[in-house]
């Protein structure tokens, strides 16, 4: 009897390990091994823990250690003059390319192309006017003064005829291409005539067509 009681007490004092089911033991071992293996695999793949995970705090840079920004240096008179000259040159180049407000609109572009696609008598007008001015001097012989007056009359007549032909062509093209245009034809005529008596290289905006091109 004593021996049996001792055996029962011994069995009762044995930990509950032997009472667990085999499936529980397998789950614990698999769980622990899987967790350790995942952590090891993540570290082996180059996973870099963040500063938050490591518990590190990046200290802020002290504001007193930064270099202060130097204030802008005022321009000298020579630099200001050079800057204004560059600005004027840039504005002139832009005006040469694009023109001003009075050059806007498809009708104005058409009028410019009509003028730029032909040789105009007006381009010789100012040159001839200079010759006439010199030849009309009273110190010149009468024959020179006569020729100067004849030249002046021919230039004036040529400008009138050329302006008429330019205006007629502009009127025809505007009515064909822009029948609903609200642009005044008289304004277009004057715009084109003033361009026709300007040297080609001095025209603004710059010509976009060559002489002889079909408009």
N, C-alpha and C. Protein backbone atom coordinates (compact mmCIF):
# COMPACT_ATOMS: atom_id res chain seq x y z
N UNK A 1 0.83 -1.20 0.00
CA UNK A 1 0.00 0.00 0.00
C UNK A 1 0.86 1.24 0.00
N UNK A 2 1.86 1.23 0.80
CA UNK A 2 2.73 2.42 0.85
C UNK A 2 3.43 2.64 -0.48
N UNK A 3 3.84 1.55 -1.05
CA UNK A 3 4.54 1.70 -2.33
C UNK A 3 3.64 2.25 -3.40
N UNK A 4 2.37 1.85 -3.43
CA UNK A 4 1.41 2.35 -4.43
C UNK A 4 1.11 3.80 -4.25
N UNK A 5 0.98 4.23 -2.97
CA UNK A 5 0.71 5.65 -2.73
C UNK A 5 1.89 6.52 -3.18
N UNK A 6 3.07 6.06 -2.93
CA UNK A 6 4.24 6.82 -3.35
C UNK A 6 4.28 6.99 -4.85
N UNK A 7 3.94 5.93 -5.55
CA UNK A 7 3.94 6.03 -7.02
C UNK A 7 2.89 7.00 -7.52
N UNK A 8 1.72 6.99 -6.86
CA UNK A 8 0.67 7.93 -7.28
C UNK A 8 1.08 9.36 -7.01
N UNK A 9 1.72 9.59 -5.85
CA UNK A 9 2.15 10.95 -5.54
C UNK A 9 3.22 11.42 -6.50
N UNK A 10 4.09 10.51 -6.89
CA UNK A 10 5.14 10.87 -7.83
C UNK A 10 4.57 11.24 -9.18
N UNK A 11 3.61 10.45 -9.63
CA UNK A 11 2.97 10.74 -10.92
C UNK A 11 2.19 12.04 -10.87
N UNK A 12 1.61 12.31 -9.70
CA UNK A 12 0.84 13.56 -9.58
C UNK A 12 1.75 14.76 -9.60
N UNK A 13 2.98 14.63 -9.12
CA UNK A 13 3.91 15.77 -9.10
C UNK A 13 4.65 15.98 -10.39
N UNK A 14 4.54 15.10 -11.34
CA UNK A 14 5.22 15.27 -12.64
C UNK A 14 4.56 16.41 -13.39
N UNK A 15 5.29 17.27 -14.03
CA UNK A 15 4.73 18.41 -14.79
C UNK A 15 3.72 17.95 -15.81
N UNK A 16 2.90 18.92 -16.17
CA UNK A 16 1.79 18.63 -17.09
C UNK A 16 2.25 18.47 -18.52
N UNK A 17 3.56 18.36 -18.69
CA UNK A 17 4.08 18.23 -20.06
C UNK A 17 3.59 16.97 -20.71
N UNK A 18 3.52 15.92 -19.90
CA UNK A 18 3.11 14.63 -20.45
C UNK A 18 1.64 14.58 -20.72
N UNK A 19 0.89 15.58 -20.17
CA UNK A 19 -0.54 15.60 -20.41
C UNK A 19 -0.91 16.33 -21.69
N UNK A 20 0.01 17.11 -22.25
CA UNK A 20 -0.30 17.84 -23.48
C UNK A 20 -0.40 16.90 -24.66
N UNK A 21 -1.17 17.38 -25.60
CA UNK A 21 -1.33 16.59 -26.81
C UNK A 21 -0.11 16.74 -27.70
N UNK A 22 0.23 15.77 -28.44
CA UNK A 22 1.38 15.88 -29.37
C UNK A 22 1.22 16.99 -30.38
N UNK A 23 -0.03 17.29 -30.81
CA UNK A 23 -0.25 18.36 -31.80
C UNK A 23 0.15 19.71 -31.25
N UNK A 24 -0.09 19.96 -29.89
CA UNK A 24 0.30 21.23 -29.29
C UNK A 24 1.80 21.42 -29.30
N UNK A 25 2.50 20.35 -29.03
CA UNK A 25 3.96 20.44 -29.02
C UNK A 25 4.48 20.74 -30.42
N UNK A 26 3.88 20.14 -31.42
CA UNK A 26 4.32 20.37 -32.79
C UNK A 26 4.07 21.80 -33.21
N UNK A 27 2.88 22.40 -32.79
CA UNK A 27 2.55 23.78 -33.16
C UNK A 27 3.53 24.76 -32.55
N UNK A 28 3.88 24.56 -31.27
CA UNK A 28 4.82 25.48 -30.62
C UNK A 28 6.18 25.44 -31.29
N UNK A 29 6.64 24.26 -31.60
CA UNK A 29 7.97 24.16 -32.21
C UNK A 29 7.96 24.77 -33.60
N UNK A 30 6.89 24.57 -34.36
CA UNK A 30 6.82 25.12 -35.72
C UNK A 30 6.74 26.63 -35.67
N UNK A 31 5.94 27.16 -34.69
CA UNK A 31 5.78 28.61 -34.59
C UNK A 31 7.08 29.30 -34.24
N UNK A 32 7.79 28.78 -33.27
CA UNK A 32 9.05 29.40 -32.86
C UNK A 32 10.08 29.32 -33.95
N UNK A 33 10.15 28.18 -34.62
CA UNK A 33 11.14 28.03 -35.68
C UNK A 33 10.82 28.92 -36.85
N UNK A 34 9.49 29.04 -37.19
CA UNK A 34 9.10 29.86 -38.34
C UNK A 34 9.41 31.32 -38.10
N UNK A 35 9.14 31.82 -36.88
CA UNK A 35 9.41 33.21 -36.55
C UNK A 35 10.90 33.52 -36.63
N UNK A 36 11.70 32.64 -36.07
CA UNK A 36 13.15 32.85 -36.11
C UNK A 36 13.68 32.79 -37.52
N UNK A 37 13.13 31.87 -38.33
CA UNK A 37 13.62 31.74 -39.70
C UNK A 37 13.24 32.97 -40.53
N UNK A 38 12.00 33.53 -40.31
CA UNK A 38 11.60 34.71 -41.05
C UNK A 38 12.47 35.90 -40.70
N UNK A 39 12.80 36.07 -39.42
CA UNK A 39 13.65 37.18 -39.02
C UNK A 39 15.03 37.06 -39.63
N UNK A 40 15.57 35.83 -39.59
CA UNK A 40 16.90 35.60 -40.17
C UNK A 40 16.89 35.83 -41.67
N UNK A 41 15.82 35.38 -42.36
CA UNK A 41 15.73 35.56 -43.82
C UNK A 41 15.61 37.03 -44.18
N UNK A 42 14.82 37.79 -43.37
CA UNK A 42 14.68 39.23 -43.66
C UNK A 42 15.99 39.95 -43.51
N UNK A 43 16.75 39.60 -42.47
CA UNK A 43 18.06 40.24 -42.30
C UNK A 43 19.02 39.83 -43.40
N UNK A 44 18.92 38.57 -43.85
CA UNK A 44 19.83 38.12 -44.90
C UNK A 44 19.53 38.77 -46.24
N UNK A 45 18.25 39.22 -46.48
CA UNK A 45 17.90 39.86 -47.74
C UNK A 45 18.30 41.33 -47.77
N UNK A 46 18.98 41.82 -46.80
CA UNK A 46 19.43 43.21 -46.82
C UNK A 46 18.49 44.16 -46.14
N UNK A 47 17.60 43.66 -45.31
CA UNK A 47 16.67 44.54 -44.61
C UNK A 47 17.44 45.41 -43.63
N UNK A 48 17.24 46.69 -43.75
CA UNK A 48 17.90 47.64 -42.86
C UNK A 48 16.89 48.18 -41.88
N UNK A 49 17.07 47.93 -40.62
CA UNK A 49 16.10 48.44 -39.63
C UNK A 49 16.13 49.95 -39.59
N UNK A 50 14.95 50.53 -39.42
CA UNK A 50 14.85 51.99 -39.34
C UNK A 50 15.35 52.48 -38.00
N UNK A 51 15.55 53.82 -37.95
CA UNK A 51 16.00 54.41 -36.69
C UNK A 51 14.95 54.27 -35.60
N UNK A 52 13.68 54.24 -36.04
CA UNK A 52 12.62 54.06 -35.06
C UNK A 52 12.68 52.70 -34.43
N UNK A 53 13.00 51.65 -35.30
CA UNK A 53 13.11 50.29 -34.77
C UNK A 53 14.31 50.17 -33.83
N UNK A 54 15.39 50.85 -34.16
CA UNK A 54 16.58 50.78 -33.32
C UNK A 54 16.48 51.66 -32.10
N UNK A 55 15.48 52.54 -32.08
CA UNK A 55 15.33 53.42 -30.93
C UNK A 55 16.27 54.59 -30.94
N UNK A 56 16.83 54.95 -32.15
CA UNK A 56 17.76 56.06 -32.23
C UNK A 56 17.01 57.33 -32.63
N UNK A 57 17.46 58.45 -32.19
CA UNK A 57 16.85 59.75 -32.49
C UNK A 57 17.92 60.63 -33.10
N UNK A 58 17.62 61.18 -34.29
CA UNK A 58 18.59 62.05 -34.96
C UNK A 58 18.52 63.44 -34.36
N UNK A 59 19.59 63.91 -33.82
CA UNK A 59 19.55 65.25 -33.22
C UNK A 59 19.42 66.32 -34.29
N UNK A 60 18.71 67.39 -33.98
CA UNK A 60 18.53 68.51 -34.90
C UNK A 60 19.80 69.34 -34.97
N UNK A 61 20.04 69.87 -36.17
CA UNK A 61 21.22 70.72 -36.35
C UNK A 61 21.00 72.05 -35.65
N UNK A 62 21.96 72.50 -34.95
CA UNK A 62 21.80 73.80 -34.30
C UNK A 62 21.77 74.91 -35.33
N UNK A 63 20.82 75.84 -35.20
CA UNK A 63 20.68 76.95 -36.15
C UNK A 63 21.86 77.90 -36.08
N UNK A 64 22.54 77.90 -34.94
CA UNK A 64 23.65 78.85 -34.79
C UNK A 64 24.86 78.46 -35.60
N UNK A 65 24.93 77.17 -36.02
CA UNK A 65 26.09 76.72 -36.77
C UNK A 65 26.00 76.97 -38.25
N UNK A 66 24.83 77.41 -38.79
CA UNK A 66 24.67 77.62 -40.21
C UNK A 66 25.27 78.94 -40.65
N UNK A 67 25.79 78.94 -41.88
CA UNK A 67 26.38 80.17 -42.42
C UNK A 67 25.28 81.12 -42.89
N UNK A 68 25.26 82.31 -42.45
CA UNK A 68 24.21 83.26 -42.88
C UNK A 68 24.37 83.62 -44.35
N UNK A 69 23.21 83.83 -45.04
CA UNK A 69 23.22 84.20 -46.45
C UNK A 69 23.61 85.66 -46.61
N UNK A 70 24.56 85.89 -47.49
CA UNK A 70 25.03 87.26 -47.69
C UNK A 70 24.01 88.04 -48.49
N UNK A 71 23.74 89.28 -48.14
CA UNK A 71 22.78 90.10 -48.88
C UNK A 71 23.29 90.42 -50.28
N UNK A 72 22.33 90.65 -51.21
CA UNK A 72 22.69 90.94 -52.60
C UNK A 72 23.47 92.25 -52.68
N UNK A 73 24.53 92.23 -53.48
CA UNK A 73 25.36 93.41 -53.64
C UNK A 73 24.71 94.38 -54.61
N UNK A 74 24.59 95.64 -54.28
CA UNK A 74 23.99 96.60 -55.22
C UNK A 74 24.85 96.76 -56.47
N UNK A 75 24.16 97.00 -57.59
CA UNK A 75 24.86 97.13 -58.86
C UNK A 75 25.55 98.50 -58.95
N UNK A 76 26.66 98.50 -59.60
CA UNK A 76 27.35 99.76 -59.85
C UNK A 76 26.70 100.48 -61.04
N UNK A 77 27.13 101.70 -61.31
CA UNK A 77 26.57 102.47 -62.42
C UNK A 77 26.87 101.78 -63.76
N UNK A 78 28.09 101.26 -63.89
CA UNK A 78 28.45 100.58 -65.13
C UNK A 78 27.61 99.32 -65.33
N UNK A 79 27.40 98.55 -64.25
CA UNK A 79 26.61 97.33 -64.35
C UNK A 79 25.15 97.65 -64.66
N UNK A 80 24.62 98.69 -64.05
CA UNK A 80 23.23 99.09 -64.33
C UNK A 80 23.08 99.55 -65.78
N UNK A 81 24.06 100.31 -66.27
CA UNK A 81 24.00 100.76 -67.65
C UNK A 81 24.08 99.58 -68.62
N UNK A 82 24.93 98.62 -68.31
CA UNK A 82 25.06 97.45 -69.16
C UNK A 82 23.78 96.60 -69.13
N UNK A 83 23.17 96.51 -67.97
CA UNK A 83 21.92 95.75 -67.86
C UNK A 83 20.79 96.41 -68.65
N UNK A 84 20.71 97.74 -68.60
CA UNK A 84 19.68 98.45 -69.38
C UNK A 84 19.94 98.29 -70.88
N UNK A 85 21.21 98.33 -71.27
CA UNK A 85 21.55 98.17 -72.69
C UNK A 85 21.16 96.76 -73.17
N UNK A 86 21.41 95.76 -72.34
CA UNK A 86 21.05 94.39 -72.73
C UNK A 86 19.53 94.23 -72.81
N UNK A 87 18.80 94.88 -71.90
CA UNK A 87 17.34 94.80 -71.93
C UNK A 87 16.78 95.46 -73.18
N UNK A 88 17.34 96.62 -73.55
CA UNK A 88 16.87 97.28 -74.77
C UNK A 88 17.17 96.45 -76.01
N UNK A 89 18.36 95.84 -76.04
CA UNK A 89 18.71 95.01 -77.19
C UNK A 89 17.78 93.80 -77.30
N UNK A 90 17.46 93.21 -76.17
CA UNK A 90 16.55 92.06 -76.19
C UNK A 90 15.15 92.46 -76.63
N UNK A 91 14.67 93.62 -76.15
CA UNK A 91 13.35 94.10 -76.56
C UNK A 91 13.31 94.42 -78.05
N UNK A 92 14.40 95.02 -78.56
CA UNK A 92 14.46 95.33 -79.99
C UNK A 92 14.47 94.05 -80.84
N UNK A 93 15.20 93.05 -80.38
CA UNK A 93 15.24 91.79 -81.13
C UNK A 93 13.88 91.10 -81.13
N UNK A 94 13.18 91.16 -80.00
CA UNK A 94 11.85 90.57 -79.93
C UNK A 94 10.87 91.31 -80.83
N UNK A 95 10.97 92.65 -80.84
CA UNK A 95 10.10 93.43 -81.73
C UNK A 95 10.42 93.14 -83.19
N UNK A 96 11.69 92.93 -83.47
CA UNK A 96 12.08 92.61 -84.85
C UNK A 96 11.48 91.28 -85.29
N UNK A 97 11.36 90.33 -84.36
CA UNK A 97 10.81 89.02 -84.71
C UNK A 97 9.29 89.03 -84.73
N UNK A 98 8.68 89.56 -83.67
CA UNK A 98 7.24 89.43 -83.48
C UNK A 98 6.45 90.68 -83.82
N UNK A 99 7.09 91.85 -83.78
CA UNK A 99 6.37 93.09 -84.03
C UNK A 99 5.65 93.58 -82.78
N UNK A 100 4.77 94.54 -82.97
CA UNK A 100 4.03 95.12 -81.86
C UNK A 100 2.55 94.80 -81.95
N UNK A 101 1.74 95.45 -81.11
CA UNK A 101 0.29 95.17 -81.13
C UNK A 101 -0.37 95.45 -82.48
N UNK A 102 0.13 96.44 -83.20
CA UNK A 102 -0.49 96.77 -84.49
C UNK A 102 -0.20 95.73 -85.56
N UNK A 103 0.73 94.82 -85.29
CA UNK A 103 1.07 93.77 -86.25
C UNK A 103 0.33 92.47 -86.02
N UNK A 104 -0.58 92.45 -85.05
CA UNK A 104 -1.30 91.23 -84.73
C UNK A 104 -2.45 91.01 -85.71
N UNK A 105 -2.80 89.75 -85.89
CA UNK A 105 -3.95 89.40 -86.71
C UNK A 105 -3.55 88.75 -88.02
N UNK A 106 -4.37 87.82 -88.51
CA UNK A 106 -4.05 87.14 -89.78
C UNK A 106 -4.11 88.07 -90.98
N UNK A 107 -4.98 89.09 -90.94
CA UNK A 107 -5.05 90.01 -92.06
C UNK A 107 -3.77 90.83 -92.19
N UNK A 108 -3.22 91.25 -91.05
CA UNK A 108 -1.96 91.99 -91.08
C UNK A 108 -0.82 91.12 -91.60
N UNK A 109 -0.81 89.86 -91.20
CA UNK A 109 0.22 88.95 -91.71
C UNK A 109 0.09 88.77 -93.21
N UNK A 110 -1.13 88.68 -93.69
CA UNK A 110 -1.34 88.55 -95.13
C UNK A 110 -0.85 89.80 -95.86
N UNK A 111 -1.15 90.97 -95.33
CA UNK A 111 -0.68 92.22 -95.96
C UNK A 111 0.84 92.27 -95.99
N UNK A 112 1.50 91.85 -94.92
CA UNK A 112 2.97 91.85 -94.91
C UNK A 112 3.53 90.88 -95.94
N UNK A 113 2.91 89.72 -96.04
CA UNK A 113 3.41 88.74 -97.02
C UNK A 113 3.24 89.24 -98.45
N UNK A 114 2.15 89.95 -98.71
CA UNK A 114 1.95 90.50 -100.06
C UNK A 114 3.07 91.48 -100.39
N UNK A 115 3.41 92.33 -99.44
CA UNK A 115 4.47 93.31 -99.67
C UNK A 115 5.83 92.65 -99.78
N UNK A 116 6.10 91.70 -98.88
CA UNK A 116 7.43 91.08 -98.82
C UNK A 116 7.70 90.13 -99.99
N UNK A 117 6.65 89.70 -100.68
CA UNK A 117 6.85 88.75 -101.77
C UNK A 117 7.15 89.43 -103.10
N UNK A 118 7.29 90.75 -103.12
CA UNK A 118 7.53 91.47 -104.37
C UNK A 118 8.55 92.58 -104.18
N UNK A 119 9.10 93.01 -105.26
CA UNK A 119 9.99 94.17 -105.23
C UNK A 119 9.12 95.42 -105.37
N UNK A 120 9.33 96.35 -104.48
CA UNK A 120 8.50 97.55 -104.46
C UNK A 120 9.34 98.77 -104.83
N UNK A 121 8.68 99.71 -105.51
CA UNK A 121 9.35 100.96 -105.87
C UNK A 121 9.66 101.77 -104.63
N UNK A 122 8.83 101.60 -103.63
CA UNK A 122 9.01 102.39 -102.41
C UNK A 122 10.34 102.17 -101.73
N UNK A 123 10.97 101.00 -101.93
CA UNK A 123 12.26 100.76 -101.28
C UNK A 123 13.33 101.70 -101.82
N UNK A 124 13.12 102.24 -103.02
CA UNK A 124 14.07 103.19 -103.61
C UNK A 124 13.64 104.64 -103.39
N UNK A 125 12.53 104.81 -102.70
CA UNK A 125 11.98 106.15 -102.58
C UNK A 125 12.90 107.07 -101.79
N UNK A 126 13.37 106.62 -100.63
CA UNK A 126 14.19 107.48 -99.79
C UNK A 126 15.57 107.73 -100.41
N UNK A 127 16.11 106.71 -101.08
CA UNK A 127 17.37 106.92 -101.78
C UNK A 127 17.23 107.94 -102.90
N UNK A 128 16.14 107.83 -103.67
CA UNK A 128 15.90 108.80 -104.72
C UNK A 128 15.62 110.19 -104.18
N UNK A 129 14.92 110.24 -103.03
CA UNK A 129 14.64 111.54 -102.42
C UNK A 129 15.94 112.24 -102.01
N UNK A 130 16.92 111.48 -101.55
CA UNK A 130 18.21 112.08 -101.19
C UNK A 130 18.92 112.64 -102.43
N UNK A 131 18.85 111.88 -103.54
CA UNK A 131 19.47 112.36 -104.77
C UNK A 131 18.78 113.63 -105.28
N UNK A 132 17.47 113.63 -105.18
CA UNK A 132 16.72 114.80 -105.63
C UNK A 132 17.05 116.00 -104.76
N UNK A 133 17.20 115.78 -103.46
CA UNK A 133 17.52 116.88 -102.57
C UNK A 133 18.87 117.50 -102.91
N UNK A 134 19.85 116.66 -103.22
CA UNK A 134 21.17 117.17 -103.58
C UNK A 134 21.13 117.83 -104.96
N UNK A 135 20.42 117.20 -105.91
CA UNK A 135 20.41 117.73 -107.27
C UNK A 135 19.60 118.99 -107.42
N UNK A 136 18.70 119.25 -106.49
CA UNK A 136 17.87 120.45 -106.58
C UNK A 136 18.55 121.69 -106.03
N UNK A 137 19.75 121.54 -105.58
CA UNK A 137 20.48 122.68 -105.05
C UNK A 137 20.71 123.72 -106.15
N UNK A 138 20.57 124.97 -105.78
CA UNK A 138 20.73 126.03 -106.77
C UNK A 138 22.16 126.11 -107.32
N UNK A 139 23.10 125.56 -106.59
CA UNK A 139 24.49 125.56 -107.07
C UNK A 139 24.70 124.58 -108.20
N UNK A 140 23.77 123.64 -108.40
CA UNK A 140 23.91 122.64 -109.45
C UNK A 140 23.52 123.25 -110.80
N UNK A 141 24.07 122.70 -111.87
CA UNK A 141 23.69 123.16 -113.21
C UNK A 141 22.21 122.92 -113.47
N UNK A 142 21.63 123.66 -114.35
CA UNK A 142 20.20 123.51 -114.64
C UNK A 142 19.82 122.12 -115.09
N UNK A 143 20.68 121.49 -115.88
CA UNK A 143 20.36 120.15 -116.37
C UNK A 143 20.26 119.15 -115.21
N UNK A 144 21.12 119.30 -114.20
CA UNK A 144 21.09 118.40 -113.03
C UNK A 144 19.80 118.62 -112.24
N UNK A 145 19.42 119.87 -112.12
CA UNK A 145 18.18 120.16 -111.39
C UNK A 145 16.98 119.61 -112.13
N UNK A 146 17.02 119.69 -113.47
CA UNK A 146 15.92 119.15 -114.26
C UNK A 146 15.81 117.64 -114.11
N UNK A 147 16.96 116.97 -114.21
CA UNK A 147 16.96 115.51 -114.05
C UNK A 147 16.49 115.10 -112.65
N UNK A 148 16.84 115.87 -111.66
CA UNK A 148 16.42 115.57 -110.29
C UNK A 148 14.91 115.68 -110.17
N UNK A 149 14.33 116.69 -110.78
CA UNK A 149 12.87 116.85 -110.73
C UNK A 149 12.15 115.74 -111.49
N UNK A 150 12.74 115.35 -112.63
CA UNK A 150 12.15 114.24 -113.39
C UNK A 150 12.21 112.94 -112.58
N UNK A 151 13.36 112.71 -111.96
CA UNK A 151 13.50 111.50 -111.12
C UNK A 151 12.51 111.51 -109.97
N UNK A 152 12.32 112.66 -109.36
CA UNK A 152 11.37 112.76 -108.26
C UNK A 152 9.95 112.45 -108.74
N UNK A 153 9.57 112.95 -109.90
CA UNK A 153 8.24 112.66 -110.43
C UNK A 153 8.05 111.19 -110.76
N UNK A 154 9.09 110.57 -111.34
CA UNK A 154 8.99 109.13 -111.65
C UNK A 154 8.87 108.29 -110.39
N UNK A 155 9.63 108.64 -109.36
CA UNK A 155 9.53 107.89 -108.10
C UNK A 155 8.14 108.03 -107.49
N UNK A 156 7.62 109.23 -107.49
CA UNK A 156 6.30 109.44 -106.92
C UNK A 156 5.24 108.67 -107.70
N UNK A 157 5.32 108.71 -109.03
CA UNK A 157 4.36 107.96 -109.84
C UNK A 157 4.49 106.46 -109.62
N UNK A 158 5.74 105.99 -109.53
CA UNK A 158 5.95 104.56 -109.28
C UNK A 158 5.38 104.12 -107.94
N UNK A 159 5.54 104.93 -106.91
CA UNK A 159 4.99 104.59 -105.60
C UNK A 159 3.47 104.54 -105.64
N UNK A 160 2.86 105.47 -106.36
CA UNK A 160 1.40 105.49 -106.46
C UNK A 160 0.89 104.24 -107.17
N UNK A 161 1.51 103.88 -108.29
CA UNK A 161 1.08 102.69 -109.03
C UNK A 161 1.30 101.43 -108.20
N UNK A 162 2.47 101.34 -107.58
CA UNK A 162 2.79 100.17 -106.76
C UNK A 162 1.82 100.04 -105.59
N UNK A 163 1.49 101.14 -104.96
CA UNK A 163 0.55 101.10 -103.83
C UNK A 163 -0.83 100.66 -104.29
N UNK A 164 -1.24 101.10 -105.47
CA UNK A 164 -2.54 100.68 -106.00
C UNK A 164 -2.57 99.18 -106.24
N UNK A 165 -1.51 98.65 -106.84
CA UNK A 165 -1.47 97.21 -107.12
C UNK A 165 -1.44 96.39 -105.82
N UNK A 166 -0.68 96.85 -104.84
CA UNK A 166 -0.62 96.14 -103.55
C UNK A 166 -1.98 96.15 -102.87
N UNK A 167 -2.64 97.30 -102.87
CA UNK A 167 -3.94 97.41 -102.21
C UNK A 167 -4.98 96.53 -102.89
N UNK A 168 -4.95 96.49 -104.20
CA UNK A 168 -5.92 95.66 -104.92
C UNK A 168 -5.73 94.18 -104.61
N UNK A 169 -4.46 93.75 -104.54
CA UNK A 169 -4.21 92.33 -104.24
C UNK A 169 -4.61 92.01 -102.80
N UNK A 170 -4.34 92.90 -101.88
CA UNK A 170 -4.72 92.66 -100.48
C UNK A 170 -6.24 92.56 -100.36
N UNK A 171 -6.96 93.45 -101.05
CA UNK A 171 -8.42 93.43 -101.00
C UNK A 171 -8.96 92.10 -101.53
N UNK A 172 -8.39 91.62 -102.62
CA UNK A 172 -8.85 90.37 -103.21
C UNK A 172 -8.60 89.18 -102.28
N UNK A 173 -7.39 89.09 -101.71
CA UNK A 173 -7.05 87.94 -100.85
C UNK A 173 -7.81 87.96 -99.54
N UNK A 174 -8.01 89.14 -98.97
CA UNK A 174 -8.75 89.22 -97.70
C UNK A 174 -10.19 88.78 -97.90
N UNK A 175 -10.82 89.19 -98.98
CA UNK A 175 -12.21 88.80 -99.23
C UNK A 175 -12.33 87.31 -99.53
N UNK A 176 -11.27 86.72 -100.13
CA UNK A 176 -11.31 85.29 -100.42
C UNK A 176 -11.06 84.44 -99.18
N UNK A 177 -10.08 84.83 -98.36
CA UNK A 177 -9.66 84.00 -97.23
C UNK A 177 -10.34 84.37 -95.92
N UNK A 178 -10.70 85.61 -95.78
CA UNK A 178 -11.32 86.06 -94.53
C UNK A 178 -12.59 86.84 -94.85
N UNK A 179 -13.62 86.17 -95.34
CA UNK A 179 -14.84 86.89 -95.73
C UNK A 179 -15.57 87.53 -94.55
N UNK A 180 -15.36 87.04 -93.35
CA UNK A 180 -16.02 87.59 -92.17
C UNK A 180 -15.09 88.51 -91.36
N UNK A 181 -14.04 88.96 -91.97
CA UNK A 181 -13.08 89.81 -91.27
C UNK A 181 -13.69 91.16 -90.94
N UNK A 182 -13.37 91.66 -89.76
CA UNK A 182 -13.83 92.99 -89.33
C UNK A 182 -12.73 94.04 -89.47
N UNK A 183 -11.59 93.66 -90.02
CA UNK A 183 -10.48 94.59 -90.22
C UNK A 183 -10.83 95.58 -91.33
N UNK A 184 -10.57 96.84 -91.09
CA UNK A 184 -10.86 97.86 -92.10
C UNK A 184 -9.83 97.79 -93.22
N UNK A 185 -10.30 97.78 -94.45
CA UNK A 185 -9.40 97.66 -95.59
C UNK A 185 -8.51 98.89 -95.72
N UNK A 186 -9.06 100.06 -95.42
CA UNK A 186 -8.22 101.27 -95.51
C UNK A 186 -7.03 101.21 -94.57
N UNK A 187 -7.25 100.66 -93.38
CA UNK A 187 -6.15 100.51 -92.44
C UNK A 187 -5.12 99.52 -92.95
N UNK A 188 -5.58 98.45 -93.60
CA UNK A 188 -4.66 97.47 -94.16
C UNK A 188 -3.86 98.08 -95.31
N UNK A 189 -4.51 98.88 -96.14
CA UNK A 189 -3.81 99.50 -97.26
C UNK A 189 -2.68 100.40 -96.75
N UNK A 190 -3.00 101.24 -95.80
CA UNK A 190 -1.99 102.16 -95.26
C UNK A 190 -0.85 101.38 -94.61
N UNK A 191 -1.19 100.31 -93.88
CA UNK A 191 -0.19 99.46 -93.23
C UNK A 191 0.76 98.85 -94.27
N UNK A 192 0.20 98.35 -95.36
CA UNK A 192 1.02 97.72 -96.39
C UNK A 192 1.86 98.75 -97.14
N UNK A 193 1.29 99.93 -97.44
CA UNK A 193 2.04 100.94 -98.19
C UNK A 193 3.22 101.45 -97.37
N UNK A 194 3.02 101.67 -96.08
CA UNK A 194 4.13 102.11 -95.24
C UNK A 194 5.23 101.05 -95.16
N UNK A 195 4.84 99.81 -95.20
CA UNK A 195 5.86 98.75 -95.21
C UNK A 195 6.56 98.68 -96.55
N UNK A 196 5.87 98.99 -97.61
CA UNK A 196 6.46 98.89 -98.94
C UNK A 196 7.52 99.96 -99.19
N UNK A 197 7.47 101.08 -98.47
CA UNK A 197 8.47 102.13 -98.68
C UNK A 197 9.59 102.03 -97.64
N UNK A 198 9.64 100.92 -96.92
CA UNK A 198 10.70 100.67 -95.94
C UNK A 198 11.68 99.66 -96.52
N UNK A 199 12.95 99.87 -96.28
CA UNK A 199 13.94 98.91 -96.75
C UNK A 199 13.65 97.53 -96.17
N UNK A 200 13.86 96.52 -96.97
CA UNK A 200 13.48 95.16 -96.59
C UNK A 200 14.17 94.73 -95.29
N UNK A 201 15.43 95.08 -95.15
CA UNK A 201 16.16 94.66 -93.95
C UNK A 201 15.72 95.41 -92.70
N UNK A 202 15.02 96.51 -92.87
CA UNK A 202 14.58 97.30 -91.72
C UNK A 202 13.12 97.06 -91.36
N UNK A 203 12.47 96.16 -92.06
CA UNK A 203 11.06 95.90 -91.80
C UNK A 203 10.88 95.09 -90.53
N UNK A 204 9.85 95.45 -89.78
CA UNK A 204 9.52 94.73 -88.55
C UNK A 204 8.01 94.52 -88.50
N UNK A 205 7.59 93.28 -88.28
CA UNK A 205 8.38 92.06 -88.10
C UNK A 205 9.16 91.69 -89.36
N UNK A 206 10.16 90.87 -89.17
CA UNK A 206 11.01 90.48 -90.28
C UNK A 206 10.20 89.70 -91.32
N UNK A 207 10.53 89.85 -92.59
CA UNK A 207 9.80 89.12 -93.64
C UNK A 207 9.87 87.61 -93.44
N UNK A 208 8.75 86.96 -93.69
CA UNK A 208 8.67 85.50 -93.57
C UNK A 208 8.64 84.80 -94.92
N UNK A 209 8.53 85.57 -95.99
CA UNK A 209 8.51 85.00 -97.33
C UNK A 209 9.62 85.64 -98.16
N UNK A 210 9.99 84.96 -99.21
CA UNK A 210 11.02 85.47 -100.11
C UNK A 210 10.38 86.19 -101.30
N UNK A 211 11.17 86.97 -101.96
CA UNK A 211 10.67 87.68 -103.14
C UNK A 211 10.35 86.66 -104.24
N UNK A 212 9.15 86.75 -104.77
CA UNK A 212 8.71 85.81 -105.80
C UNK A 212 7.85 84.69 -105.28
N UNK A 213 7.75 84.50 -103.95
CA UNK A 213 6.90 83.44 -103.41
C UNK A 213 5.43 83.72 -103.69
N UNK A 214 4.66 82.67 -103.90
CA UNK A 214 3.25 82.81 -104.16
C UNK A 214 2.50 82.94 -102.83
N UNK A 215 1.66 83.92 -102.75
CA UNK A 215 0.90 84.18 -101.52
C UNK A 215 -0.52 83.60 -101.67
